[in-house]
Amino acid sequence: MAETKTPPANANENCVGPTSESAGNASACEGCPNQQACASGTFNSPEAQQKELKEQEALQSAFKNVSHVVLILSGKGGVGKSTQICHALSGRGFAVGLLDVDLCGPSIPRMMGVAHEGAVVHRSGSGAWTPVYASPNLAVMSISFLLPDSDAAVVWRGPRKNALIQQFLTDTDWEGDTGGLDYLIIDTPPGTSDEHISTVQFLQKASAISGAVVVTTPEEVSMADVRKELNFCEKTKVPVLGIVENMATYQKRLSDLTYLRQDGSDVTEEVLLEIQEKCPELLEVLACSEVFPTSGPGPEGMAKSYNTSHW
């Protein structure tokens, strides 16, 4: 039988593992909610090992038709993460699945244009969940599809979150008309919480994780949080595929801008007419502005210090 090697999702940092000889008695075990169970050998029982083996087999089976699994991480929300990556990949003809594990703030369906009454997850004949399709080769799964209304609050503690994430990973049917996925993109909430730990542990059980893409804006407020994500990846041995810098600048043609007087009145029509008459070539010029000023060496410097790529 397989041994239980993966620490519980709510284990302390530096957990020695529930099957270790010092489980429950090591210094790292102090204050852990699993200390008593580990010390008693609960995780080493034949029943626990059988359960672990079944979980591992179910996870491995769930990913047999998925070529690449990529986590999308950021220290802060609203920096433009998973949706752009999914559209870029699906636009190149790849079969893409997007799994939203932000259980308390699931915004992916709205960002993907599938937040409507007809967007409902169904159970197939085999009992698997059928995701909602934003396009023929882009499938979306989110807790948002399971809630009674879009404003419903999810007030769950760790164990219930962990159970749903496991169910998402094992019970979602990604095959559809494409016969599986080239890429499964997993959108995570900001920070390094239960959702991240559980997702990584489940994926590692299945030997399915390809790596993580970390997204940041260029100011220090965002980068300070992103460094925590990068350190999380180091601790959990998740390969970092690269750092994406987003929202650094904003560009738009002069003809697409809105023009206002200081009192707020709209003079767009008059301004464009004036430019058209006197200097029409300016209408094709791009106006560029910094959205977030770059702090220090910025994301590129941060990528160098973590020995990863920067885009």
Protein backbone atom coordinates (compact mmCIF):
# COMPACT_ATOMS: atom_id res chain seq x y z
CA MET A 1 0.00 0.00 0.00
CA ALA A 2 1.03 3.59 -0.60
CA GLU A 3 2.36 5.50 2.37
CA THR A 4 0.82 8.80 3.41
CA LYS A 5 3.59 11.26 2.71
CA THR A 6 1.75 14.51 1.98
CA PRO A 7 1.26 16.73 5.05
CA PRO A 8 -2.35 17.75 5.78
CA ALA A 9 -3.34 21.08 4.20
CA ASN A 10 -3.58 22.73 7.62
CA ALA A 11 -0.21 21.42 8.87
CA ASN A 12 2.42 23.70 10.35
CA GLU A 13 5.28 25.01 8.27
CA ASN A 14 8.22 22.60 8.22
CA CYS A 15 5.90 19.65 8.87
CA VAL A 16 7.94 16.45 9.13
CA GLY A 17 5.14 14.47 7.49
CA PRO A 18 2.42 12.33 9.06
CA THR A 19 4.32 9.08 8.42
CA SER A 20 7.59 10.26 9.92
CA GLU A 21 8.86 8.46 13.03
CA SER A 22 8.82 11.83 14.81
CA ALA A 23 5.33 12.77 13.60
CA GLY A 24 3.45 14.55 16.36
CA ASN A 25 6.57 14.80 18.54
CA ALA A 26 8.91 17.04 16.54
CA SER A 27 9.37 20.72 17.45
CA ALA A 28 7.62 21.70 14.22
CA CYS A 29 4.51 19.86 15.45
CA GLU A 30 3.89 22.21 18.38
CA GLY A 31 0.47 23.84 18.06
CA CYS A 32 -0.46 21.95 14.88
CA PRO A 33 -4.13 20.88 14.80
CA ASN A 34 -3.00 17.45 13.58
CA GLN A 35 -0.42 16.87 16.33
CA GLN A 36 -2.48 14.41 18.34
CA ALA A 37 -3.59 12.43 15.29
CA CYS A 38 -0.01 12.19 13.98
CA ALA A 39 1.37 11.13 17.36
CA SER A 40 -1.28 8.41 17.66
CA GLY A 41 -0.43 6.97 14.24
CA THR A 42 -3.84 7.77 12.73
CA PHE A 43 -2.29 8.70 9.39
CA ASN A 44 -0.29 5.45 9.36
CA SER A 45 -3.27 3.15 9.79
CA PRO A 46 -4.14 0.73 6.96
CA GLU A 47 -7.42 2.60 6.47
CA ALA A 48 -5.63 5.94 6.10
CA GLN A 49 -3.13 4.49 3.64
CA GLN A 50 -5.93 2.93 1.60
CA LYS A 51 -7.78 6.26 1.51
CA GLU A 52 -4.59 8.03 0.42
CA LEU A 53 -4.06 5.51 -2.36
CA LYS A 54 -7.61 5.95 -3.65
CA GLU A 55 -7.26 9.75 -3.61
CA GLN A 56 -4.02 9.54 -5.55
CA GLU A 57 -5.50 7.19 -8.14
CA ALA A 58 -8.57 9.42 -8.58
CA LEU A 59 -6.40 12.50 -9.08
CA GLN A 60 -4.09 10.77 -11.54
CA SER A 61 -7.08 9.51 -13.51
CA ALA A 62 -8.60 13.00 -13.63
CA PHE A 63 -5.50 14.42 -15.35
CA LYS A 64 -4.81 11.64 -17.83
CA ASN A 65 -6.16 13.77 -20.71
CA VAL A 66 -4.61 17.07 -19.56
CA SER A 67 -1.21 17.89 -21.05
CA HIS A 68 -0.17 20.88 -18.93
CA VAL A 69 -1.44 22.26 -15.62
CA VAL A 70 -0.39 25.83 -14.84
CA LEU A 71 -1.10 27.78 -11.65
CA ILE A 72 -1.65 31.52 -12.00
CA LEU A 73 -0.51 33.41 -8.92
CA SER A 74 -0.46 37.03 -7.81
CA GLY A 75 -0.08 38.76 -4.49
CA LYS A 76 -2.98 41.10 -5.20
CA GLY A 77 -6.26 40.82 -7.06
CA GLY A 78 -7.22 42.77 -10.14
CA VAL A 79 -3.84 42.69 -11.87
CA GLY A 80 -5.12 40.88 -14.98
CA LYS A 81 -4.15 37.24 -14.69
CA SER A 82 -5.84 34.15 -15.97
CA THR A 83 -8.39 35.48 -18.46
CA GLN A 84 -5.77 37.02 -20.75
CA ILE A 85 -3.63 33.89 -20.70
CA CYS A 86 -6.63 31.67 -21.48
CA HIS A 87 -7.79 33.84 -24.37
CA ALA A 88 -4.25 33.93 -25.77
CA LEU A 89 -3.92 30.13 -25.65
CA SER A 90 -7.41 29.33 -26.93
CA GLY A 91 -6.97 31.91 -29.70
CA ARG A 92 -4.00 29.87 -30.92
CA GLY A 93 -6.18 26.80 -31.20
CA PHE A 94 -5.28 25.04 -27.95
CA ALA A 95 -7.93 23.28 -25.88
CA VAL A 96 -7.99 25.24 -22.62
CA GLY A 97 -9.71 24.74 -19.28
CA LEU A 98 -9.91 27.49 -16.65
CA LEU A 99 -10.51 26.39 -13.06
CA ASP A 100 -11.36 29.13 -10.57
CA VAL A 101 -10.27 28.17 -7.04
CA ASP A 102 -10.93 31.63 -5.64
CA LEU A 103 -13.85 30.27 -3.63
CA CYS A 104 -14.70 33.45 -1.71
CA GLY A 105 -14.39 35.90 -4.61
CA PRO A 106 -15.10 34.01 -7.83
CA SER A 107 -14.91 36.64 -10.57
CA ILE A 108 -13.71 34.41 -13.43
CA PRO A 109 -17.19 33.73 -14.94
CA ARG A 110 -17.85 37.46 -15.26
CA MET A 111 -14.40 38.14 -16.72
CA MET A 112 -14.89 35.30 -19.22
CA GLY A 113 -18.36 36.49 -20.26
CA VAL A 114 -20.21 33.44 -18.94
CA ALA A 115 -21.85 34.98 -15.86
CA HIS A 116 -25.44 34.59 -17.02
CA GLU A 117 -28.50 32.54 -16.10
CA GLY A 118 -27.81 29.93 -18.75
CA ALA A 119 -24.34 29.23 -17.36
CA VAL A 120 -25.10 26.15 -15.26
CA VAL A 121 -22.89 23.22 -14.36
CA HIS A 122 -24.57 19.85 -15.00
CA ARG A 123 -23.79 16.36 -13.81
CA SER A 124 -23.03 13.94 -16.62
CA GLY A 125 -24.18 10.31 -16.67
CA SER A 126 -20.94 9.30 -14.98
CA GLY A 127 -21.51 11.82 -12.19
CA ALA A 128 -18.83 14.25 -13.40
CA TRP A 129 -19.37 18.00 -13.61
CA THR A 130 -19.61 19.45 -17.10
CA PRO A 131 -17.93 22.90 -17.21
CA VAL A 132 -19.38 25.97 -18.91
CA TYR A 133 -17.89 26.78 -22.32
CA ALA A 134 -16.89 30.35 -23.17
CA SER A 135 -15.99 29.09 -26.66
CA PRO A 136 -15.74 25.62 -28.25
CA ASN A 137 -12.17 25.15 -26.97
CA LEU A 138 -12.33 27.16 -23.73
CA ALA A 139 -14.08 25.59 -20.71
CA VAL A 140 -14.65 27.31 -17.35
CA MET A 141 -15.34 25.84 -13.91
CA SER A 142 -16.09 27.96 -10.85
CA ILE A 143 -17.98 27.83 -7.58
CA SER A 144 -19.93 30.78 -8.97
CA PHE A 145 -21.93 28.35 -11.14
CA LEU A 146 -22.99 26.44 -8.03
CA LEU A 147 -24.19 29.38 -5.92
CA PRO A 148 -27.88 30.35 -5.65
CA ASP A 149 -27.13 33.92 -6.79
CA SER A 150 -24.11 36.03 -7.75
CA ASP A 151 -24.08 37.92 -4.44
CA ALA A 152 -24.11 34.83 -2.21
CA ALA A 153 -21.25 34.81 0.30
CA VAL A 154 -19.08 31.73 0.75
CA VAL A 155 -18.30 31.56 4.49
CA TRP A 156 -16.29 28.36 4.74
CA ARG A 157 -13.39 27.18 6.84
CA GLY A 158 -10.37 25.36 5.44
CA PRO A 159 -11.59 21.73 5.43
CA ARG A 160 -14.70 22.53 3.41
CA LYS A 161 -12.69 24.59 0.93
CA ASN A 162 -10.18 21.76 0.58
CA ALA A 163 -12.94 19.24 -0.09
CA LEU A 164 -14.46 21.36 -2.89
CA ILE A 165 -11.08 21.97 -4.53
CA GLN A 166 -10.44 18.23 -4.51
CA GLN A 167 -13.88 17.68 -6.04
CA PHE A 168 -13.19 20.27 -8.74
CA LEU A 169 -9.94 18.51 -9.60
CA THR A 170 -11.32 14.96 -9.64
CA ASP A 171 -14.95 15.41 -10.76
CA THR A 172 -14.77 17.96 -13.59
CA ASP A 173 -15.05 16.43 -17.07
CA TRP A 174 -12.64 18.43 -19.22
CA GLU A 175 -12.81 16.11 -22.24
CA GLY A 176 -15.75 17.75 -24.03
CA ASP A 177 -15.52 17.81 -27.82
CA THR A 178 -11.75 18.32 -27.72
CA GLY A 179 -10.96 14.95 -26.11
CA GLY A 180 -9.10 16.63 -23.25
CA LEU A 181 -7.05 19.75 -22.61
CA ASP A 182 -3.76 21.08 -23.84
CA TYR A 183 -3.72 23.47 -20.88
CA LEU A 184 -5.57 23.59 -17.58
CA ILE A 185 -5.13 27.06 -16.11
CA ILE A 186 -5.88 27.32 -12.39
CA ASP A 187 -6.75 30.80 -11.16
CA THR A 188 -5.92 31.28 -7.49
CA PRO A 189 -6.94 34.03 -5.05
CA PRO A 190 -4.44 36.62 -3.82
CA GLY A 191 -2.08 35.53 -1.07
CA THR A 192 -0.95 32.08 0.05
CA SER A 193 -3.97 30.57 1.75
CA ASP A 194 -5.71 27.20 2.13
CA GLU A 195 -6.70 27.27 -1.53
CA HIS A 196 -3.07 27.46 -2.66
CA ILE A 197 -1.75 24.83 -0.27
CA SER A 198 -4.53 22.35 -1.02
CA THR A 199 -4.36 22.85 -4.78
CA VAL A 200 -0.60 22.33 -4.88
CA GLN A 201 -0.76 19.24 -2.67
CA PHE A 202 -3.50 17.64 -4.76
CA LEU A 203 -1.66 18.38 -8.00
CA GLN A 204 1.58 17.00 -6.61
CA LYS A 205 -0.22 13.81 -5.59
CA ALA A 206 -1.26 13.46 -9.22
CA SER A 207 2.23 14.45 -10.48
CA ALA A 208 0.33 16.89 -12.68
CA ILE A 209 1.71 20.36 -11.96
CA SER A 210 3.72 21.93 -14.79
CA GLY A 211 4.54 25.15 -12.96
CA ALA A 212 3.30 28.59 -12.00
CA VAL A 213 3.06 31.90 -13.79
CA VAL A 214 3.21 34.88 -11.42
CA VAL A 215 1.53 38.14 -12.45
CA THR A 216 2.34 41.55 -10.99
CA THR A 217 1.99 45.24 -11.60
CA PRO A 218 5.28 47.18 -11.42
CA GLU A 219 4.85 49.11 -8.16
CA GLU A 220 6.30 47.94 -4.85
CA VAL A 221 2.89 47.42 -3.18
CA SER A 222 2.22 44.60 -5.64
CA MET A 223 5.77 43.27 -5.91
CA ALA A 224 6.11 42.94 -2.13
CA ASP A 225 3.17 40.53 -2.14
CA VAL A 226 4.39 38.73 -5.24
CA ARG A 227 7.73 37.96 -3.58
CA LYS A 228 5.74 36.02 -0.98
CA GLU A 229 4.15 34.02 -3.81
CA LEU A 230 7.60 33.29 -5.25
CA ASN A 231 8.85 32.14 -1.84
CA PHE A 232 5.72 29.98 -1.53
CA CYS A 233 6.65 28.31 -4.82
CA GLU A 234 10.18 27.68 -3.57
CA LYS A 235 8.92 26.09 -0.35
CA THR A 236 6.38 23.90 -2.10
CA LYS A 237 8.79 23.03 -4.96
CA VAL A 238 6.51 24.44 -7.67
CA PRO A 239 8.55 25.53 -10.72
CA VAL A 240 8.08 29.22 -11.58
CA LEU A 241 7.70 29.49 -15.35
CA GLY A 242 8.03 33.26 -15.32
CA ILE A 243 6.82 36.63 -14.05
CA VAL A 244 4.35 38.61 -16.15
CA GLU A 245 4.39 42.38 -15.76
CA ASN A 246 0.97 43.86 -16.40
CA MET A 247 -0.67 47.31 -16.31
CA ALA A 248 2.61 49.21 -16.51
CA THR A 249 1.42 51.62 -19.21
CA TYR A 250 -1.78 52.59 -20.96
CA GLN A 251 -1.87 53.37 -24.68
CA LYS A 252 -4.69 54.69 -26.83
CA ARG A 253 -5.07 56.57 -30.09
CA LEU A 254 -5.97 60.23 -29.76
CA SER A 255 -9.10 59.54 -31.79
CA ASP A 256 -10.28 57.05 -29.15
CA LEU A 257 -9.86 59.35 -26.15
CA THR A 258 -12.54 61.39 -24.42
CA TYR A 259 -11.83 65.08 -23.89
CA LEU A 260 -13.27 67.15 -21.04
CA ARG A 261 -13.12 70.76 -19.91
CA GLN A 262 -12.02 71.48 -16.36
CA ASP A 263 -15.68 71.75 -15.37
CA GLY A 264 -16.25 68.19 -16.61
CA SER A 265 -18.20 69.02 -19.75
CA ASP A 266 -17.52 66.75 -22.75
CA VAL A 267 -15.81 68.49 -25.69
CA THR A 268 -14.64 65.35 -27.49
CA GLU A 269 -16.52 66.09 -30.71
CA GLU A 270 -15.17 69.62 -30.98
CA VAL A 271 -11.57 68.60 -30.21
CA LEU A 272 -11.55 65.76 -32.74
CA LEU A 273 -13.08 68.00 -35.39
CA GLU A 274 -10.39 70.61 -34.76
CA ILE A 275 -7.62 68.01 -35.03
CA GLN A 276 -9.20 66.53 -38.17
CA GLU A 277 -9.25 69.91 -39.85
CA LYS A 278 -5.81 71.18 -38.86
CA CYS A 279 -3.62 68.11 -38.28
CA PRO A 280 -5.44 64.85 -39.14
CA GLU A 281 -2.30 62.71 -38.90
CA LEU A 282 -2.36 63.26 -35.12
CA LEU A 283 -5.48 61.11 -34.85
CA GLU A 284 -3.33 58.03 -35.41
CA VAL A 285 -0.79 59.01 -32.75
CA LEU A 286 -0.79 56.94 -29.56
CA ALA A 287 -1.13 58.70 -26.22
CA CYS A 288 0.80 56.80 -23.55
CA SER A 289 0.59 57.11 -19.78
CA GLU A 290 2.08 55.24 -16.82
CA VAL A 291 -0.63 53.35 -14.95
CA PHE A 292 1.61 52.20 -12.11
CA PRO A 293 5.08 53.71 -11.75
CA THR A 294 7.90 51.16 -11.59
CA SER A 295 9.53 50.79 -8.18
CA GLY A 296 13.29 50.23 -8.16
CA PRO A 297 14.43 47.55 -10.61
CA GLY A 298 10.78 46.56 -11.06
CA PRO A 299 9.44 43.14 -12.02
CA GLU A 300 12.34 42.54 -14.40
CA GLY A 301 14.84 42.93 -11.57
CA MET A 302 12.70 40.74 -9.33
CA ALA A 303 12.66 38.03 -12.01
CA LYS A 304 16.46 38.14 -12.21
CA SER A 305 16.82 37.80 -8.45
CA TYR A 306 14.59 34.70 -8.53
CA ASN A 307 16.31 33.35 -11.65
CA THR A 308 13.15 33.20 -13.75
CA SER A 309 11.83 34.72 -16.96
CA HIS A 310 10.18 38.13 -17.24
CA TRP A 311 7.53 39.05 -19.79
